[in-house]
Full PDB file with SEQRES, HELIX, SHEET, SSBOND, CRYST1, ORIGX, SCALE, CONECT and MASTER records, all heavy atoms in Angstrom:
SEQRES   1 A   38  ALA MET SER LYS ASN ASP PHE ALA HIS ALA VAL CYS ASN          
SEQRES   2 A   38  ARG ARG PRO PRO PHE ASP ASN VAL ASP PHE SER HIS PHE          
SEQRES   3 A   38  SER LYS ILE PHE ASP MET LEU ARG GLU ILE LEU ASN              
HELIX    1 AA1 LYS A    4  CYS A   12  1                                   9    
HELIX    2 AA2 SER A   24  PHE A   26  5                                   3    
HELIX    3 AA3 SER A   27  LEU A   37  1                                  11    
CRYST1    1.000    1.000    1.000  90.00  90.00  90.00 P 1           1          
ORIGX1      1.000000  0.000000  0.000000        0.00000                         
ORIGX2      0.000000  1.000000  0.000000        0.00000                         
ORIGX3      0.000000  0.000000  1.000000        0.00000                         
SCALE1      1.000000  0.000000  0.000000        0.00000                         
SCALE2      0.000000  1.000000  0.000000        0.00000                         
SCALE3      0.000000  0.000000  1.000000        0.00000                         
ATOM      1  N   ALA A   1       5.912   3.185   3.617  1.00  0.00           N  
ATOM      2  CA  ALA A   1       5.786   1.774   3.995  1.00  0.00           C  
ATOM      3  C   ALA A   1       5.796   1.668   5.513  1.00  0.00           C  
ATOM      4  O   ALA A   1       6.584   2.324   6.193  1.00  0.00           O  
ATOM      5  CB  ALA A   1       6.925   0.949   3.398  1.00  0.00           C  
ATOM      6  N   MET A   2       4.920   0.851   6.022  1.00  0.00           N  
ATOM      7  CA  MET A   2       4.831   0.600   7.458  1.00  0.00           C  
ATOM      8  C   MET A   2       5.723  -0.596   7.784  1.00  0.00           C  
ATOM      9  O   MET A   2       5.702  -1.596   7.064  1.00  0.00           O  
ATOM     10  CB  MET A   2       3.372   0.294   7.805  1.00  0.00           C  
ATOM     11  CG  MET A   2       3.102   0.013   9.246  1.00  0.00           C  
ATOM     12  SD  MET A   2       1.354  -0.426   9.450  1.00  0.00           S  
ATOM     13  CE  MET A   2       0.946   0.622  10.811  1.00  0.00           C  
ATOM     14  N   SER A   3       6.498  -0.515   8.822  1.00  0.00           N  
ATOM     15  CA  SER A   3       7.336  -1.655   9.197  1.00  0.00           C  
ATOM     16  C   SER A   3       6.451  -2.780   9.734  1.00  0.00           C  
ATOM     17  O   SER A   3       5.354  -2.547  10.248  1.00  0.00           O  
ATOM     18  CB  SER A   3       8.371  -1.247  10.243  1.00  0.00           C  
ATOM     19  OG  SER A   3       7.746  -1.048  11.496  1.00  0.00           O  
ATOM     20  N   LYS A   4       6.940  -3.992   9.614  1.00  0.00           N  
ATOM     21  CA  LYS A   4       6.209  -5.139  10.170  1.00  0.00           C  
ATOM     22  C   LYS A   4       6.006  -4.960  11.670  1.00  0.00           C  
ATOM     23  O   LYS A   4       4.961  -5.311  12.208  1.00  0.00           O  
ATOM     24  CB  LYS A   4       6.969  -6.440   9.890  1.00  0.00           C  
ATOM     25  CG  LYS A   4       6.975  -6.870   8.452  1.00  0.00           C  
ATOM     26  CD  LYS A   4       7.753  -8.169   8.314  1.00  0.00           C  
ATOM     27  CE  LYS A   4       7.758  -8.706   6.911  1.00  0.00           C  
ATOM     28  NZ  LYS A   4       8.432 -10.010   6.836  1.00  0.00           N  
ATOM     29  N   ASN A   5       7.007  -4.434  12.326  1.00  0.00           N  
ATOM     30  CA  ASN A   5       6.925  -4.201  13.769  1.00  0.00           C  
ATOM     31  C   ASN A   5       5.821  -3.195  14.103  1.00  0.00           C  
ATOM     32  O   ASN A   5       5.031  -3.401  15.018  1.00  0.00           O  
ATOM     33  CB  ASN A   5       8.282  -3.725  14.291  1.00  0.00           C  
ATOM     34  CG  ASN A   5       8.417  -3.879  15.779  1.00  0.00           C  
ATOM     35  OD1 ASN A   5       7.871  -4.811  16.367  1.00  0.00           O  
ATOM     36  ND2 ASN A   5       9.137  -2.973  16.406  1.00  0.00           N  
ATOM     37  N   ASP A   6       5.753  -2.100  13.347  1.00  0.00           N  
ATOM     38  CA  ASP A   6       4.698  -1.111  13.573  1.00  0.00           C  
ATOM     39  C   ASP A   6       3.320  -1.699  13.277  1.00  0.00           C  
ATOM     40  O   ASP A   6       2.348  -1.411  13.978  1.00  0.00           O  
ATOM     41  CB  ASP A   6       4.924   0.139  12.713  1.00  0.00           C  
ATOM     42  CG  ASP A   6       6.058   1.003  13.235  1.00  0.00           C  
ATOM     43  OD1 ASP A   6       6.536   0.773  14.370  1.00  0.00           O  
ATOM     44  OD2 ASP A   6       6.474   1.921  12.498  1.00  0.00           O  
ATOM     45  N   PHE A   7       3.245  -2.513  12.238  1.00  0.00           N  
ATOM     46  CA  PHE A   7       1.973  -3.190  11.915  1.00  0.00           C  
ATOM     47  C   PHE A   7       1.538  -4.067  13.091  1.00  0.00           C  
ATOM     48  O   PHE A   7       0.393  -4.008  13.536  1.00  0.00           O  
ATOM     49  CB  PHE A   7       2.135  -4.031  10.639  1.00  0.00           C  
ATOM     50  CG  PHE A   7       0.933  -4.855  10.290  1.00  0.00           C  
ATOM     51  CD1 PHE A   7      -0.151  -4.293   9.633  1.00  0.00           C  
ATOM     52  CD2 PHE A   7       0.886  -6.211  10.606  1.00  0.00           C  
ATOM     53  CE1 PHE A   7      -1.264  -5.051   9.300  1.00  0.00           C  
ATOM     54  CE2 PHE A   7      -0.217  -6.978  10.285  1.00  0.00           C  
ATOM     55  CZ  PHE A   7      -1.299  -6.397   9.629  1.00  0.00           C  
ATOM     56  N   ALA A   8       2.473  -4.872  13.607  1.00  0.00           N  
ATOM     57  CA  ALA A   8       2.155  -5.769  14.729  1.00  0.00           C  
ATOM     58  C   ALA A   8       1.693  -4.981  15.955  1.00  0.00           C  
ATOM     59  O   ALA A   8       0.727  -5.362  16.617  1.00  0.00           O  
ATOM     60  CB  ALA A   8       3.361  -6.633  15.069  1.00  0.00           C  
ATOM     61  N   HIS A   9       2.382  -3.888  16.258  1.00  0.00           N  
ATOM     62  CA  HIS A   9       1.987  -3.066  17.411  1.00  0.00           C  
ATOM     63  C   HIS A   9       0.616  -2.430  17.205  1.00  0.00           C  
ATOM     64  O   HIS A   9      -0.178  -2.352  18.144  1.00  0.00           O  
ATOM     65  CB  HIS A   9       3.042  -1.994  17.701  1.00  0.00           C  
ATOM     66  CG  HIS A   9       4.253  -2.535  18.379  1.00  0.00           C  
ATOM     67  ND1 HIS A   9       4.266  -2.926  19.694  1.00  0.00           N  
ATOM     68  CD2 HIS A   9       5.501  -2.773  17.906  1.00  0.00           C  
ATOM     69  CE1 HIS A   9       5.464  -3.371  20.016  1.00  0.00           C  
ATOM     70  NE2 HIS A   9       6.228  -3.305  18.944  1.00  0.00           N  
ATOM     71  N   ALA A  10       0.333  -1.973  15.992  1.00  0.00           N  
ATOM     72  CA  ALA A  10      -0.972  -1.363  15.704  1.00  0.00           C  
ATOM     73  C   ALA A  10      -2.092  -2.389  15.879  1.00  0.00           C  
ATOM     74  O   ALA A  10      -3.136  -2.094  16.466  1.00  0.00           O  
ATOM     75  CB  ALA A  10      -0.984  -0.776  14.294  1.00  0.00           C  
ATOM     76  N   VAL A  11      -1.859  -3.606  15.395  1.00  0.00           N  
ATOM     77  CA  VAL A  11      -2.862  -4.665  15.533  1.00  0.00           C  
ATOM     78  C   VAL A  11      -3.023  -5.052  16.998  1.00  0.00           C  
ATOM     79  O   VAL A  11      -4.138  -5.132  17.524  1.00  0.00           O  
ATOM     80  CB  VAL A  11      -2.493  -5.895  14.670  1.00  0.00           C  
ATOM     81  CG1 VAL A  11      -3.385  -7.088  15.001  1.00  0.00           C  
ATOM     82  CG2 VAL A  11      -2.575  -5.558  13.187  1.00  0.00           C  
ATOM     83  N   CYS A  12      -1.901  -5.273  17.669  1.00  0.00           N  
ATOM     84  CA  CYS A  12      -1.928  -5.698  19.077  1.00  0.00           C  
ATOM     85  C   CYS A  12      -2.601  -4.658  19.970  1.00  0.00           C  
ATOM     86  O   CYS A  12      -3.364  -5.006  20.873  1.00  0.00           O  
ATOM     87  CB  CYS A  12      -0.503  -5.974  19.542  1.00  0.00           C  
ATOM     88  SG  CYS A  12      -0.389  -6.640  21.206  1.00  0.00           S  
ATOM     89  N   ASN A  13      -2.328  -3.400  19.712  1.00  0.00           N  
ATOM     90  CA  ASN A  13      -2.875  -2.322  20.532  1.00  0.00           C  
ATOM     91  C   ASN A  13      -4.216  -1.808  20.014  1.00  0.00           C  
ATOM     92  O   ASN A  13      -4.758  -0.856  20.571  1.00  0.00           O  
ATOM     93  CB  ASN A  13      -1.870  -1.172  20.635  1.00  0.00           C  
ATOM     94  CG  ASN A  13      -0.634  -1.603  21.386  1.00  0.00           C  
ATOM     95  OD1 ASN A  13      -0.712  -2.269  22.403  1.00  0.00           O  
ATOM     96  ND2 ASN A  13       0.527  -1.231  20.864  1.00  0.00           N  
ATOM     97  N   ARG A  14      -4.699  -2.419  18.937  1.00  0.00           N  
ATOM     98  CA  ARG A  14      -6.000  -2.074  18.339  1.00  0.00           C  
ATOM     99  C   ARG A  14      -6.134  -0.587  18.045  1.00  0.00           C  
ATOM    100  O   ARG A  14      -7.162   0.023  18.288  1.00  0.00           O  
ATOM    101  CB  ARG A  14      -7.140  -2.564  19.218  1.00  0.00           C  
ATOM    102  CG  ARG A  14      -7.138  -4.055  19.358  1.00  0.00           C  
ATOM    103  CD  ARG A  14      -8.210  -4.525  20.307  1.00  0.00           C  
ATOM    104  NE  ARG A  14      -8.099  -5.957  20.509  1.00  0.00           N  
ATOM    105  CZ  ARG A  14      -9.002  -6.832  20.106  1.00  0.00           C  
ATOM    106  NH1 ARG A  14     -10.086  -6.443  19.510  1.00  0.00           N  
ATOM    107  NH2 ARG A  14      -8.814  -8.109  20.332  1.00  0.00           N  
ATOM    108  N   ARG A  15      -5.042  -0.039  17.503  1.00  0.00           N  
ATOM    109  CA  ARG A  15      -5.065   1.366  17.107  1.00  0.00           C  
ATOM    110  C   ARG A  15      -5.854   1.511  15.810  1.00  0.00           C  
ATOM    111  O   ARG A  15      -5.575   0.807  14.837  1.00  0.00           O  
ATOM    112  CB  ARG A  15      -3.646   1.880  16.873  1.00  0.00           C  
ATOM    113  CG  ARG A  15      -3.019   2.396  18.156  1.00  0.00           C  
ATOM    114  CD  ARG A  15      -1.671   2.963  17.864  1.00  0.00           C  
ATOM    115  NE  ARG A  15      -0.752   1.870  18.139  1.00  0.00           N  
ATOM    116  CZ  ARG A  15       0.477   1.766  17.700  1.00  0.00           C  
ATOM    117  NH1 ARG A  15       0.991   2.674  16.949  1.00  0.00           N  
ATOM    118  NH2 ARG A  15       1.229   0.737  18.006  1.00  0.00           N  
ATOM    119  N   PRO A  16      -6.842   2.403  15.781  1.00  0.00           N  
ATOM    120  CA  PRO A  16      -7.598   2.596  14.543  1.00  0.00           C  
ATOM    121  C   PRO A  16      -6.649   2.904  13.390  1.00  0.00           C  
ATOM    122  O   PRO A  16      -5.674   3.621  13.582  1.00  0.00           O  
ATOM    123  CB  PRO A  16      -8.500   3.788  14.856  1.00  0.00           C  
ATOM    124  CG  PRO A  16      -8.632   3.762  16.353  1.00  0.00           C  
ATOM    125  CD  PRO A  16      -7.318   3.249  16.868  1.00  0.00           C  
ATOM    126  N   PRO A  17      -6.885   2.338  12.240  1.00  0.00           N  
ATOM    127  CA  PRO A  17      -8.018   1.510  11.824  1.00  0.00           C  
ATOM    128  C   PRO A  17      -7.797   0.011  12.048  1.00  0.00           C  
ATOM    129  O   PRO A  17      -8.452  -0.815  11.431  1.00  0.00           O  
ATOM    130  CB  PRO A  17      -8.114   1.828  10.332  1.00  0.00           C  
ATOM    131  CG  PRO A  17      -6.677   1.957   9.917  1.00  0.00           C  
ATOM    132  CD  PRO A  17      -5.999   2.642  11.090  1.00  0.00           C  
ATOM    133  N   PHE A  18      -6.873  -0.355  12.917  1.00  0.00           N  
ATOM    134  CA  PHE A  18      -6.561  -1.769  13.177  1.00  0.00           C  
ATOM    135  C   PHE A  18      -7.344  -2.306  14.375  1.00  0.00           C  
ATOM    136  O   PHE A  18      -6.963  -3.306  14.975  1.00  0.00           O  
ATOM    137  CB  PHE A  18      -5.051  -1.935  13.406  1.00  0.00           C  
ATOM    138  CG  PHE A  18      -4.228  -1.514  12.223  1.00  0.00           C  
ATOM    139  CD1 PHE A  18      -3.702  -0.237  12.144  1.00  0.00           C  
ATOM    140  CD2 PHE A  18      -4.000  -2.381  11.174  1.00  0.00           C  
ATOM    141  CE1 PHE A  18      -2.950   0.174  11.055  1.00  0.00           C  
ATOM    142  CE2 PHE A  18      -3.260  -1.992  10.071  1.00  0.00           C  
ATOM    143  CZ  PHE A  18      -2.733  -0.703  10.014  1.00  0.00           C  
ATOM    144  N   ASP A  19      -8.429  -1.637  14.720  1.00  0.00           N  
ATOM    145  CA  ASP A  19      -9.201  -2.016  15.904  1.00  0.00           C  
ATOM    146  C   ASP A  19     -10.251  -3.089  15.633  1.00  0.00           C  
ATOM    147  O   ASP A  19     -10.882  -3.577  16.563  1.00  0.00           O  
ATOM    148  CB  ASP A  19      -9.857  -0.781  16.536  1.00  0.00           C  
ATOM    149  CG  ASP A  19     -10.619   0.067  15.539  1.00  0.00           C  
ATOM    150  OD1 ASP A  19     -10.479  -0.140  14.312  1.00  0.00           O  
ATOM    151  OD2 ASP A  19     -11.359   0.963  15.998  1.00  0.00           O  
ATOM    152  N   ASN A  20     -10.410  -3.498  14.387  1.00  0.00           N  
ATOM    153  CA  ASN A  20     -11.385  -4.551  14.079  1.00  0.00           C  
ATOM    154  C   ASN A  20     -10.816  -5.563  13.081  1.00  0.00           C  
ATOM    155  O   ASN A  20     -11.494  -5.991  12.152  1.00  0.00           O  
ATOM    156  CB  ASN A  20     -12.684  -3.939  13.550  1.00  0.00           C  
ATOM    157  CG  ASN A  20     -12.472  -3.169  12.255  1.00  0.00           C  
ATOM    158  OD1 ASN A  20     -11.346  -2.888  11.857  1.00  0.00           O  
ATOM    159  ND2 ASN A  20     -13.564  -2.828  11.594  1.00  0.00           N  
ATOM    160  N   VAL A  21      -9.582  -5.960  13.286  1.00  0.00           N  
ATOM    161  CA  VAL A  21      -8.900  -6.919  12.415  1.00  0.00           C  
ATOM    162  C   VAL A  21      -9.520  -8.305  12.591  1.00  0.00           C  
ATOM    163  O   VAL A  21      -9.859  -8.719  13.696  1.00  0.00           O  
ATOM    164  CB  VAL A  21      -7.387  -6.938  12.741  1.00  0.00           C  
ATOM    165  CG1 VAL A  21      -6.678  -8.084  12.059  1.00  0.00           C  
ATOM    166  CG2 VAL A  21      -6.754  -5.616  12.364  1.00  0.00           C  
ATOM    167  N   ASP A  22      -9.642  -9.024  11.484  1.00  0.00           N  
ATOM    168  CA  ASP A  22     -10.190 -10.383  11.477  1.00  0.00           C  
ATOM    169  C   ASP A  22      -9.062 -11.388  11.762  1.00  0.00           C  
ATOM    170  O   ASP A  22      -8.113 -11.493  10.984  1.00  0.00           O  
ATOM    171  CB  ASP A  22     -10.811 -10.656  10.103  1.00  0.00           C  
ATOM    172  CG  ASP A  22     -11.318 -12.070   9.947  1.00  0.00           C  
ATOM    173  OD1 ASP A  22     -11.436 -12.802  10.949  1.00  0.00           O  
ATOM    174  OD2 ASP A  22     -11.612 -12.456   8.792  1.00  0.00           O  
ATOM    175  N   PHE A  23      -9.190 -12.109  12.856  1.00  0.00           N  
ATOM    176  CA  PHE A  23      -8.168 -13.095  13.236  1.00  0.00           C  
ATOM    177  C   PHE A  23      -8.557 -14.527  12.882  1.00  0.00           C  
ATOM    178  O   PHE A  23      -7.853 -15.467  13.235  1.00  0.00           O  
ATOM    179  CB  PHE A  23      -7.877 -13.007  14.743  1.00  0.00           C  
ATOM    180  CG  PHE A  23      -7.269 -11.702  15.153  1.00  0.00           C  
ATOM    181  CD1 PHE A  23      -8.021 -10.743  15.801  1.00  0.00           C  
ATOM    182  CD2 PHE A  23      -5.943 -11.427  14.881  1.00  0.00           C  
ATOM    183  CE1 PHE A  23      -7.466  -9.532  16.177  1.00  0.00           C  
ATOM    184  CE2 PHE A  23      -5.372 -10.219  15.256  1.00  0.00           C  
ATOM    185  CZ  PHE A  23      -6.138  -9.267  15.900  1.00  0.00           C  
ATOM    186  N   SER A  24      -9.655 -14.708  12.181  1.00  0.00           N  
ATOM    187  CA  SER A  24     -10.145 -16.065  11.907  1.00  0.00           C  
ATOM    188  C   SER A  24      -9.155 -16.900  11.099  1.00  0.00           C  
ATOM    189  O   SER A  24      -9.139 -18.123  11.223  1.00  0.00           O  
ATOM    190  CB  SER A  24     -11.499 -16.010  11.200  1.00  0.00           C  
ATOM    191  OG  SER A  24     -11.380 -15.417   9.919  1.00  0.00           O  
ATOM    192  N   HIS A  25      -8.324 -16.264  10.278  1.00  0.00           N  
ATOM    193  CA  HIS A  25      -7.370 -17.017   9.454  1.00  0.00           C  
ATOM    194  C   HIS A  25      -6.249 -17.649  10.285  1.00  0.00           C  
ATOM    195  O   HIS A  25      -5.510 -18.486   9.772  1.00  0.00           O  
ATOM    196  CB  HIS A  25      -6.778 -16.111   8.375  1.00  0.00           C  
ATOM    197  CG  HIS A  25      -7.806 -15.538   7.457  1.00  0.00           C  
ATOM    198  ND1 HIS A  25      -8.572 -16.303   6.613  1.00  0.00           N  
ATOM    199  CD2 HIS A  25      -8.222 -14.255   7.277  1.00  0.00           C  
ATOM    200  CE1 HIS A  25      -9.393 -15.537   5.936  1.00  0.00           C  
ATOM    201  NE2 HIS A  25      -9.207 -14.286   6.324  1.00  0.00           N  
ATOM    202  N   PHE A  26      -6.134 -17.262  11.532  1.00  0.00           N  
ATOM    203  CA  PHE A  26      -5.115 -17.845  12.404  1.00  0.00           C  
ATOM    204  C   PHE A  26      -5.548 -19.198  12.970  1.00  0.00           C  
ATOM    205  O   PHE A  26      -4.775 -19.870  13.642  1.00  0.00           O  
ATOM    206  CB  PHE A  26      -4.776 -16.881  13.550  1.00  0.00           C  
ATOM    207  CG  PHE A  26      -3.917 -15.728  13.120  1.00  0.00           C  
ATOM    208  CD1 PHE A  26      -4.471 -14.635  12.473  1.00  0.00           C  
ATOM    209  CD2 PHE A  26      -2.554 -15.742  13.339  1.00  0.00           C  
ATOM    210  CE1 PHE A  26      -3.694 -13.571  12.060  1.00  0.00           C  
ATOM    211  CE2 PHE A  26      -1.754 -14.683  12.924  1.00  0.00           C  
ATOM    212  CZ  PHE A  26      -2.326 -13.586  12.276  1.00  0.00           C  
ATOM    213  N   SER A  27      -6.769 -19.616  12.697  1.00  0.00           N  
ATOM    214  CA  SER A  27      -7.286 -20.856  13.277  1.00  0.00           C  
ATOM    215  C   SER A  27      -6.447 -22.069  12.890  1.00  0.00           C  
ATOM    216  O   SER A  27      -6.276 -22.983  13.702  1.00  0.00           O  
ATOM    217  CB  SER A  27      -8.750 -21.067  12.893  1.00  0.00           C  
ATOM    218  OG  SER A  27      -8.877 -21.214  11.489  1.00  0.00           O  
ATOM    219  N   LYS A  28      -5.897 -22.107  11.674  1.00  0.00           N  
ATOM    220  CA  LYS A  28      -5.076 -23.258  11.267  1.00  0.00           C  
ATOM    221  C   LYS A  28      -3.810 -23.374  12.122  1.00  0.00           C  
ATOM    222  O   LYS A  28      -3.329 -24.469  12.381  1.00  0.00           O  
ATOM    223  CB  LYS A  28      -4.714 -23.162   9.792  1.00  0.00           C  
ATOM    224  CG  LYS A  28      -5.851 -23.548   8.886  1.00  0.00           C  
ATOM    225  CD  LYS A  28      -5.351 -23.770   7.476  1.00  0.00           C  
ATOM    226  CE  LYS A  28      -6.456 -24.385   6.655  1.00  0.00           C  
ATOM    227  NZ  LYS A  28      -5.983 -24.786   5.334  1.00  0.00           N  
ATOM    228  N   ILE A  29      -3.279 -22.246  12.553  1.00  0.00           N  
ATOM    229  CA  ILE A  29      -2.106 -22.282  13.429  1.00  0.00           C  
ATOM    230  C   ILE A  29      -2.493 -22.920  14.760  1.00  0.00           C  
ATOM    231  O   ILE A  29      -1.794 -23.800  15.271  1.00  0.00           O  
ATOM    232  CB  ILE A  29      -1.528 -20.873  13.648  1.00  0.00           C  
ATOM    233  CG1 ILE A  29      -1.010 -20.296  12.331  1.00  0.00           C  
ATOM    234  CG2 ILE A  29      -0.411 -20.903  14.699  1.00  0.00           C  
ATOM    235  CD1 ILE A  29      -0.605 -18.835  12.411  1.00  0.00           C  
ATOM    236  N   PHE A  30      -3.635 -22.512  15.309  1.00  0.00           N  
ATOM    237  CA  PHE A  30      -4.064 -23.063  16.587  1.00  0.00           C  
ATOM    238  C   PHE A  30      -4.487 -24.526  16.452  1.00  0.00           C  
ATOM    239  O   PHE A  30      -4.275 -25.316  17.379  1.00  0.00           O  
ATOM    240  CB  PHE A  30      -5.155 -22.191  17.211  1.00  0.00           C  
ATOM    241  CG  PHE A  30      -4.598 -20.885  17.713  1.00  0.00           C  
ATOM    242  CD1 PHE A  30      -4.729 -19.724  16.956  1.00  0.00           C  
ATOM    243  CD2 PHE A  30      -3.898 -20.830  18.900  1.00  0.00           C  
ATOM    244  CE1 PHE A  30      -4.177 -18.535  17.400  1.00  0.00           C  
ATOM    245  CE2 PHE A  30      -3.346 -19.641  19.355  1.00  0.00           C  
ATOM    246  CZ  PHE A  30      -3.485 -18.485  18.601  1.00  0.00           C  
ATOM    247  N   ASP A  31      -5.043 -24.911  15.304  1.00  0.00           N  
ATOM    248  CA  ASP A  31      -5.345 -26.330  15.068  1.00  0.00           C  
ATOM    249  C   ASP A  31      -4.059 -27.147  15.083  1.00  0.00           C  
ATOM    250  O   ASP A  31      -4.008 -28.237  15.663  1.00  0.00           O  
ATOM    251  CB  ASP A  31      -6.055 -26.515  13.721  1.00  0.00           C  
ATOM    252  CG  ASP A  31      -7.473 -25.966  13.708  1.00  0.00           C  
ATOM    253  OD1 ASP A  31      -8.043 -25.721  14.799  1.00  0.00           O  
ATOM    254  OD2 ASP A  31      -8.008 -25.772  12.595  1.00  0.00           O  
ATOM    255  N   MET A  32      -3.007 -26.626  14.461  1.00  0.00           N  
ATOM    256  CA  MET A  32      -1.722 -27.315  14.459  1.00  0.00           C  
ATOM    257  C   MET A  32      -1.160 -27.406  15.882  1.00  0.00           C  
ATOM    258  O   MET A  32      -0.644 -28.448  16.291  1.00  0.00           O  
ATOM    259  CB  MET A  32      -0.730 -26.604  13.547  1.00  0.00           C  
ATOM    260  CG  MET A  32       0.652 -27.276  13.512  1.00  0.00           C  
ATOM    261  SD  MET A  32       1.844 -26.405  12.483  1.00  0.00           S  
ATOM    262  CE  MET A  32       2.010 -24.859  13.351  1.00  0.00           C  
ATOM    263  N   LEU A  33      -1.275 -26.338  16.653  1.00  0.00           N  
ATOM    264  CA  LEU A  33      -0.797 -26.365  18.033  1.00  0.00           C  
ATOM    265  C   LEU A  33      -1.561 -27.398  18.862  1.00  0.00           C  
ATOM    266  O   LEU A  33      -0.964 -28.104  19.686  1.00  0.00           O  
ATOM    267  CB  LEU A  33      -0.897 -24.976  18.664  1.00  0.00           C  
ATOM    268  CG  LEU A  33       0.030 -23.918  18.081  1.00  0.00           C  
ATOM    269  CD1 LEU A  33      -0.261 -22.552  18.678  1.00  0.00           C  
ATOM    270  CD2 LEU A  33       1.492 -24.293  18.256  1.00  0.00           C  
ATOM    271  N   ARG A  34      -2.872 -27.518  18.617  1.00  0.00           N  
ATOM    272  CA  ARG A  34      -3.656 -28.561  19.306  1.00  0.00           C  
ATOM    273  C   ARG A  34      -3.162 -29.952  18.931  1.00  0.00           C  
ATOM    274  O   ARG A  34      -3.064 -30.836  19.770  1.00  0.00           O  
ATOM    275  CB  ARG A  34      -5.144 -28.429  18.962  1.00  0.00           C  
ATOM    276  CG  ARG A  34      -5.873 -27.435  19.796  1.00  0.00           C  
ATOM    277  CD  ARG A  34      -7.391 -27.487  19.539  1.00  0.00           C  
ATOM    278  NE  ARG A  34      -7.939 -26.180  19.727  1.00  0.00           N  
ATOM    279  CZ  ARG A  34      -8.100 -25.243  18.791  1.00  0.00           C  
ATOM    280  NH1 ARG A  34      -7.788 -25.502  17.550  1.00  0.00           N  
ATOM    281  NH2 ARG A  34      -8.598 -24.072  19.082  1.00  0.00           N  
ATOM    282  N   GLU A  35      -2.860 -30.133  17.647  1.00  0.00           N  
ATOM    283  CA  GLU A  35      -2.347 -31.425  17.193  1.00  0.00           C  
ATOM    284  C   GLU A  35      -1.013 -31.740  17.866  1.00  0.00           C  
ATOM    285  O   GLU A  35      -0.775 -32.867  18.311  1.00  0.00           O  
ATOM    286  CB  GLU A  35      -2.182 -31.413  15.670  1.00  0.00           C  
ATOM    287  CG  GLU A  35      -1.762 -32.753  15.104  1.00  0.00           C  
ATOM    288  CD  GLU A  35      -1.661 -32.718  13.575  1.00  0.00           C  
ATOM    289  OE1 GLU A  35      -2.438 -32.007  12.930  1.00  0.00           O  
ATOM    290  OE2 GLU A  35      -0.770 -33.431  13.064  1.00  0.00           O  
ATOM    291  N   ILE A  36      -0.146 -30.755  17.958  1.00  0.00           N  
ATOM    292  CA  ILE A  36       1.142 -30.948  18.649  1.00  0.00           C  
ATOM    293  C   ILE A  36       0.889 -31.298  20.105  1.00  0.00           C  
ATOM    294  O   ILE A  36       1.500 -32.222  20.655  1.00  0.00           O  
ATOM    295  CB  ILE A  36       2.023 -29.696  18.524  1.00  0.00           C  
ATOM    296  CG1 ILE A  36       2.510 -29.530  17.077  1.00  0.00           C  
ATOM    297  CG2 ILE A  36       3.206 -29.752  19.472  1.00  0.00           C  
ATOM    298  CD1 ILE A  36       3.216 -28.219  16.788  1.00  0.00           C  
ATOM    299  N   LEU A  37      -0.009 -30.593  20.749  1.00  0.00           N  
ATOM    300  CA  LEU A  37      -0.341 -30.863  22.145  1.00  0.00           C  
ATOM    301  C   LEU A  37      -0.870 -32.281  22.320  1.00  0.00           C  
ATOM    302  O   LEU A  37      -0.477 -32.993  23.258  1.00  0.00           O  
ATOM    303  CB  LEU A  37      -1.353 -29.838  22.676  1.00  0.00           C  
ATOM    304  CG  LEU A  37      -1.706 -29.937  24.138  1.00  0.00           C  
ATOM    305  CD1 LEU A  37      -0.476 -29.768  25.014  1.00  0.00           C  
ATOM    306  CD2 LEU A  37      -2.754 -28.882  24.491  1.00  0.00           C  
ATOM    307  N   ASN A  38      -1.718 -32.725  21.402  1.00  0.00           N  
ATOM    308  CA  ASN A  38      -2.244 -34.090  21.471  1.00  0.00           C  
ATOM    309  C   ASN A  38      -1.147 -35.130  21.265  1.00  0.00           C  
ATOM    310  O   ASN A  38      -1.179 -36.204  21.854  1.00  0.00           O  
ATOM    311  CB  ASN A  38      -3.370 -34.286  20.452  1.00  0.00           C  
ATOM    312  CG  ASN A  38      -4.617 -33.536  20.824  1.00  0.00           C  
ATOM    313  OD1 ASN A  38      -4.851 -33.208  21.991  1.00  0.00           O  
ATOM    314  ND2 ASN A  38      -5.433 -33.220  19.835  1.00  0.00           N  
TER     315      ASN A  38                                                      
MASTER        0    0    0    3    0    0    0    6  314    1    0    3          
END                                                                             
């Protein structure tokens, strides 16, 4: 099992095979942040 911390570091550092992760699902978080900002 990979720790959540190791997963986050692999994604953040784009270590293969985490070098082409799809971040599109995070858009709802940023939409909410825009709403808070507004």
